[in-house]
Amino acid sequence: MKDYNDFPPFKYFLRVLKCCPKSALVYARLWKKRGVQLVIKTNKKDILKDYLVTPTLFRNLMVPLMSLNLVNFTENDDKFQIDILGPSLNDS
């Protein structure tokens, strides 16, 4: 039961599943890796290991999440900075 603390809020995850189901796994992994400030900084070389997709596919899966206003991300030559939007606790 403690794994539910690392799961995205239900209403946000439901939006992802309905609108862009291919991005759902990436969104769940992002939520699990979030920090207290809801910011993730990751190197492009670590994307394949951490998210099981290439950096290009990762970027393409992030775009629908940005259109749903669930994340913001910026990309440099070697890094992604991802800001997760929304509450830090599950809400019903």
N, C-alpha and C. Protein backbone atom coordinates (compact mmCIF):
# COMPACT_ATOMS: atom_id res chain seq x y z
N MET A 1 0.81 -1.21 0.00
CA MET A 1 0.00 0.00 0.00
C MET A 1 0.85 1.27 0.00
N LYS A 2 2.10 1.19 0.44
CA LYS A 2 2.92 2.39 0.49
C LYS A 2 3.27 2.89 -0.91
N ASP A 3 3.16 2.05 -1.95
CA ASP A 3 3.45 2.47 -3.31
C ASP A 3 2.47 3.50 -3.83
N TYR A 4 1.28 3.58 -3.26
CA TYR A 4 0.29 4.55 -3.72
C TYR A 4 0.73 5.98 -3.45
N ASN A 5 1.64 6.19 -2.52
CA ASN A 5 2.17 7.54 -2.28
C ASN A 5 2.99 8.03 -3.46
N ASP A 6 3.58 7.11 -4.23
CA ASP A 6 4.38 7.46 -5.39
C ASP A 6 3.57 7.50 -6.67
N PHE A 7 2.26 7.35 -6.57
CA PHE A 7 1.40 7.31 -7.74
C PHE A 7 0.80 8.69 -7.98
N PRO A 8 0.62 9.09 -9.24
CA PRO A 8 0.05 10.41 -9.53
C PRO A 8 -1.36 10.55 -8.97
N PRO A 9 -1.81 11.77 -8.73
CA PRO A 9 -3.19 11.98 -8.29
C PRO A 9 -4.16 11.36 -9.29
N PHE A 10 -5.21 10.76 -8.78
CA PHE A 10 -6.13 9.98 -9.61
C PHE A 10 -6.71 10.79 -10.76
N LYS A 11 -7.19 12.01 -10.49
CA LYS A 11 -7.84 12.76 -11.57
C LYS A 11 -6.86 13.16 -12.66
N TYR A 12 -5.60 13.43 -12.32
CA TYR A 12 -4.59 13.76 -13.34
C TYR A 12 -4.22 12.51 -14.14
N PHE A 13 -4.04 11.40 -13.45
CA PHE A 13 -3.67 10.17 -14.14
C PHE A 13 -4.80 9.71 -15.06
N LEU A 14 -6.03 9.90 -14.65
CA LEU A 14 -7.18 9.54 -15.48
C LEU A 14 -7.20 10.39 -16.76
N ARG A 15 -6.87 11.67 -16.65
CA ARG A 15 -6.78 12.54 -17.84
C ARG A 15 -5.72 12.02 -18.80
N VAL A 16 -4.60 11.60 -18.26
CA VAL A 16 -3.52 11.07 -19.11
C VAL A 16 -3.98 9.79 -19.80
N LEU A 17 -4.61 8.91 -19.06
CA LEU A 17 -5.07 7.65 -19.65
C LEU A 17 -6.11 7.87 -20.74
N LYS A 18 -6.98 8.86 -20.56
CA LYS A 18 -8.01 9.13 -21.56
C LYS A 18 -7.46 9.84 -22.79
N CYS A 19 -6.57 10.80 -22.60
CA CYS A 19 -6.13 11.67 -23.69
C CYS A 19 -4.84 11.20 -24.38
N CYS A 20 -3.93 10.69 -23.62
CA CYS A 20 -2.64 10.28 -24.21
C CYS A 20 -2.10 9.05 -23.48
N PRO A 21 -2.74 7.91 -23.68
CA PRO A 21 -2.35 6.70 -22.93
C PRO A 21 -0.91 6.26 -23.15
N LYS A 22 -0.32 6.61 -24.28
CA LYS A 22 1.08 6.24 -24.52
C LYS A 22 2.02 6.95 -23.56
N SER A 23 1.62 8.10 -23.04
CA SER A 23 2.44 8.88 -22.12
C SER A 23 2.22 8.50 -20.65
N ALA A 24 1.30 7.59 -20.39
CA ALA A 24 0.93 7.26 -19.01
C ALA A 24 2.09 6.67 -18.21
N LEU A 25 2.85 5.78 -18.80
CA LEU A 25 3.96 5.17 -18.07
C LEU A 25 5.03 6.20 -17.75
N VAL A 26 5.32 7.07 -18.70
CA VAL A 26 6.31 8.13 -18.45
C VAL A 26 5.82 9.05 -17.33
N TYR A 27 4.53 9.40 -17.35
CA TYR A 27 3.97 10.28 -16.31
C TYR A 27 4.05 9.61 -14.94
N ALA A 28 3.75 8.33 -14.87
CA ALA A 28 3.83 7.62 -13.58
C ALA A 28 5.28 7.57 -13.09
N ARG A 29 6.23 7.34 -13.98
CA ARG A 29 7.64 7.31 -13.58
C ARG A 29 8.14 8.69 -13.17
N LEU A 30 7.67 9.73 -13.87
CA LEU A 30 8.04 11.09 -13.48
C LEU A 30 7.53 11.39 -12.07
N TRP A 31 6.30 11.01 -11.81
CA TRP A 31 5.71 11.29 -10.51
C TRP A 31 6.48 10.57 -9.40
N LYS A 32 6.92 9.35 -9.69
CA LYS A 32 7.67 8.59 -8.70
C LYS A 32 9.04 9.22 -8.42
N LYS A 33 9.66 9.84 -9.43
CA LYS A 33 10.99 10.42 -9.28
C LYS A 33 10.97 11.87 -8.82
N ARG A 34 9.80 12.44 -8.67
CA ARG A 34 9.72 13.87 -8.32
C ARG A 34 10.36 14.14 -6.97
N GLY A 35 10.80 15.35 -6.79
CA GLY A 35 11.36 15.77 -5.52
C GLY A 35 10.32 16.56 -4.74
N VAL A 36 10.74 17.14 -3.64
CA VAL A 36 9.83 17.94 -2.82
C VAL A 36 9.31 19.15 -3.58
N GLN A 37 10.16 19.75 -4.41
CA GLN A 37 9.76 20.92 -5.20
C GLN A 37 9.09 20.53 -6.51
N LEU A 38 8.86 19.24 -6.74
CA LEU A 38 8.22 18.74 -7.97
C LEU A 38 9.04 19.08 -9.21
N VAL A 39 10.37 19.00 -9.08
CA VAL A 39 11.28 19.28 -10.19
C VAL A 39 12.19 18.06 -10.39
N ILE A 40 12.38 17.69 -11.65
CA ILE A 40 13.29 16.59 -11.99
C ILE A 40 14.30 17.12 -12.98
N LYS A 41 15.57 16.92 -12.69
CA LYS A 41 16.65 17.25 -13.63
C LYS A 41 17.33 15.94 -13.98
N THR A 42 17.38 15.64 -15.26
CA THR A 42 17.98 14.38 -15.68
C THR A 42 18.81 14.58 -16.93
N ASN A 43 19.89 13.84 -17.02
CA ASN A 43 20.75 13.87 -18.19
C ASN A 43 20.11 13.05 -19.30
N LYS A 44 20.34 13.47 -20.53
CA LYS A 44 19.78 12.73 -21.67
C LYS A 44 20.32 11.31 -21.73
N LYS A 45 21.56 11.13 -21.31
CA LYS A 45 22.14 9.79 -21.38
C LYS A 45 21.48 8.83 -20.38
N ASP A 46 20.79 9.36 -19.37
CA ASP A 46 20.12 8.52 -18.37
C ASP A 46 18.66 8.23 -18.71
N ILE A 47 18.13 8.85 -19.76
CA ILE A 47 16.72 8.67 -20.11
C ILE A 47 16.41 7.22 -20.45
N LEU A 48 17.24 6.60 -21.25
CA LEU A 48 17.00 5.21 -21.65
C LEU A 48 16.96 4.29 -20.44
N LYS A 49 17.87 4.49 -19.53
CA LYS A 49 17.94 3.64 -18.33
C LYS A 49 16.77 3.90 -17.38
N ASP A 50 16.40 5.15 -17.17
CA ASP A 50 15.39 5.51 -16.18
C ASP A 50 13.95 5.36 -16.69
N TYR A 51 13.73 5.65 -17.99
CA TYR A 51 12.36 5.69 -18.51
C TYR A 51 12.10 4.65 -19.60
N LEU A 52 13.14 3.89 -19.96
CA LEU A 52 13.03 2.80 -20.93
C LEU A 52 12.60 3.26 -22.31
N VAL A 53 12.93 4.50 -22.66
CA VAL A 53 12.68 5.04 -24.00
C VAL A 53 13.89 5.89 -24.40
N THR A 54 14.02 6.14 -25.68
CA THR A 54 15.11 7.00 -26.16
C THR A 54 14.80 8.45 -25.83
N PRO A 55 15.79 9.32 -25.80
CA PRO A 55 15.53 10.74 -25.52
C PRO A 55 14.53 11.37 -26.50
N THR A 56 14.58 10.98 -27.77
CA THR A 56 13.65 11.52 -28.76
C THR A 56 12.22 11.09 -28.45
N LEU A 57 12.04 9.82 -28.16
CA LEU A 57 10.70 9.32 -27.82
C LEU A 57 10.22 9.93 -26.50
N PHE A 58 11.13 10.10 -25.57
CA PHE A 58 10.79 10.73 -24.29
C PHE A 58 10.24 12.13 -24.54
N ARG A 59 10.92 12.90 -25.36
CA ARG A 59 10.46 14.26 -25.70
C ARG A 59 9.08 14.20 -26.35
N ASN A 60 8.88 13.27 -27.26
CA ASN A 60 7.59 13.14 -27.94
C ASN A 60 6.47 12.72 -27.00
N LEU A 61 6.79 11.96 -25.96
CA LEU A 61 5.79 11.57 -24.98
C LEU A 61 5.51 12.69 -23.97
N MET A 62 6.45 13.60 -23.81
CA MET A 62 6.26 14.72 -22.90
C MET A 62 5.34 15.80 -23.47
N VAL A 63 5.33 15.95 -24.79
CA VAL A 63 4.54 17.01 -25.43
C VAL A 63 3.04 16.89 -25.09
N PRO A 64 2.42 15.70 -25.16
CA PRO A 64 1.00 15.63 -24.76
C PRO A 64 0.79 15.97 -23.29
N LEU A 65 1.74 15.62 -22.44
CA LEU A 65 1.62 15.95 -21.02
C LEU A 65 1.69 17.46 -20.82
N MET A 66 2.51 18.13 -21.64
CA MET A 66 2.56 19.59 -21.57
C MET A 66 1.25 20.20 -22.05
N SER A 67 0.65 19.63 -23.08
CA SER A 67 -0.61 20.18 -23.59
C SER A 67 -1.74 20.01 -22.58
N LEU A 68 -1.64 19.02 -21.70
CA LEU A 68 -2.63 18.83 -20.63
C LEU A 68 -2.29 19.66 -19.39
N ASN A 69 -1.23 20.46 -19.45
CA ASN A 69 -0.76 21.28 -18.33
C ASN A 69 -0.41 20.45 -17.10
N LEU A 70 0.18 19.29 -17.33
CA LEU A 70 0.61 18.44 -16.22
C LEU A 70 2.11 18.57 -15.96
N VAL A 71 2.87 18.94 -16.98
CA VAL A 71 4.31 19.14 -16.83
C VAL A 71 4.75 20.30 -17.70
N ASN A 72 5.86 20.87 -17.35
CA ASN A 72 6.62 21.79 -18.19
C ASN A 72 8.01 21.22 -18.28
N PHE A 73 8.60 21.28 -19.46
CA PHE A 73 9.98 20.81 -19.53
C PHE A 73 10.79 21.70 -20.45
N THR A 74 12.05 21.80 -20.12
CA THR A 74 13.01 22.51 -20.95
C THR A 74 14.13 21.53 -21.27
N GLU A 75 14.67 21.70 -22.45
CA GLU A 75 15.70 20.78 -22.93
C GLU A 75 16.94 21.57 -23.31
N ASN A 76 18.07 21.12 -22.83
CA ASN A 76 19.37 21.65 -23.22
C ASN A 76 20.06 20.61 -24.09
N ASP A 77 21.32 20.84 -24.41
CA ASP A 77 22.06 19.88 -25.23
C ASP A 77 22.19 18.52 -24.55
N ASP A 78 22.33 18.52 -23.23
CA ASP A 78 22.57 17.25 -22.54
C ASP A 78 21.62 16.98 -21.38
N LYS A 79 20.62 17.84 -21.14
CA LYS A 79 19.75 17.70 -19.97
C LYS A 79 18.30 18.01 -20.29
N PHE A 80 17.42 17.43 -19.47
CA PHE A 80 16.02 17.82 -19.40
C PHE A 80 15.75 18.35 -18.00
N GLN A 81 15.00 19.43 -17.89
CA GLN A 81 14.48 19.87 -16.60
C GLN A 81 12.97 19.80 -16.71
N ILE A 82 12.36 19.05 -15.81
CA ILE A 82 10.93 18.80 -15.87
C ILE A 82 10.30 19.32 -14.59
N ASP A 83 9.31 20.17 -14.74
CA ASP A 83 8.52 20.68 -13.61
C ASP A 83 7.17 20.00 -13.65
N ILE A 84 6.85 19.28 -12.59
CA ILE A 84 5.57 18.60 -12.51
C ILE A 84 4.58 19.56 -11.86
N LEU A 85 3.46 19.76 -12.53
CA LEU A 85 2.45 20.68 -12.02
C LEU A 85 1.39 19.91 -11.26
N GLY A 86 0.78 20.56 -10.29
CA GLY A 86 -0.27 19.91 -9.51
C GLY A 86 0.13 19.72 -8.08
N PRO A 87 -0.78 19.17 -7.29
CA PRO A 87 -0.52 18.99 -5.87
C PRO A 87 0.50 17.88 -5.63
N SER A 88 1.09 17.93 -4.46
CA SER A 88 2.08 16.92 -4.11
C SER A 88 1.45 15.70 -3.44
N LEU A 89 0.19 15.79 -3.09
CA LEU A 89 -0.51 14.67 -2.47
C LEU A 89 -1.68 14.25 -3.35
N ASN A 90 -2.07 12.98 -3.23
CA ASN A 90 -3.22 12.51 -4.00
C ASN A 90 -4.46 13.24 -3.56
N ASP A 91 -5.25 13.65 -4.52
CA ASP A 91 -6.55 14.23 -4.21
C ASP A 91 -7.60 13.48 -4.99
N SER A 92 -8.77 13.41 -4.46
CA SER A 92 -9.83 12.60 -5.08
C SER A 92 -10.71 13.41 -5.96
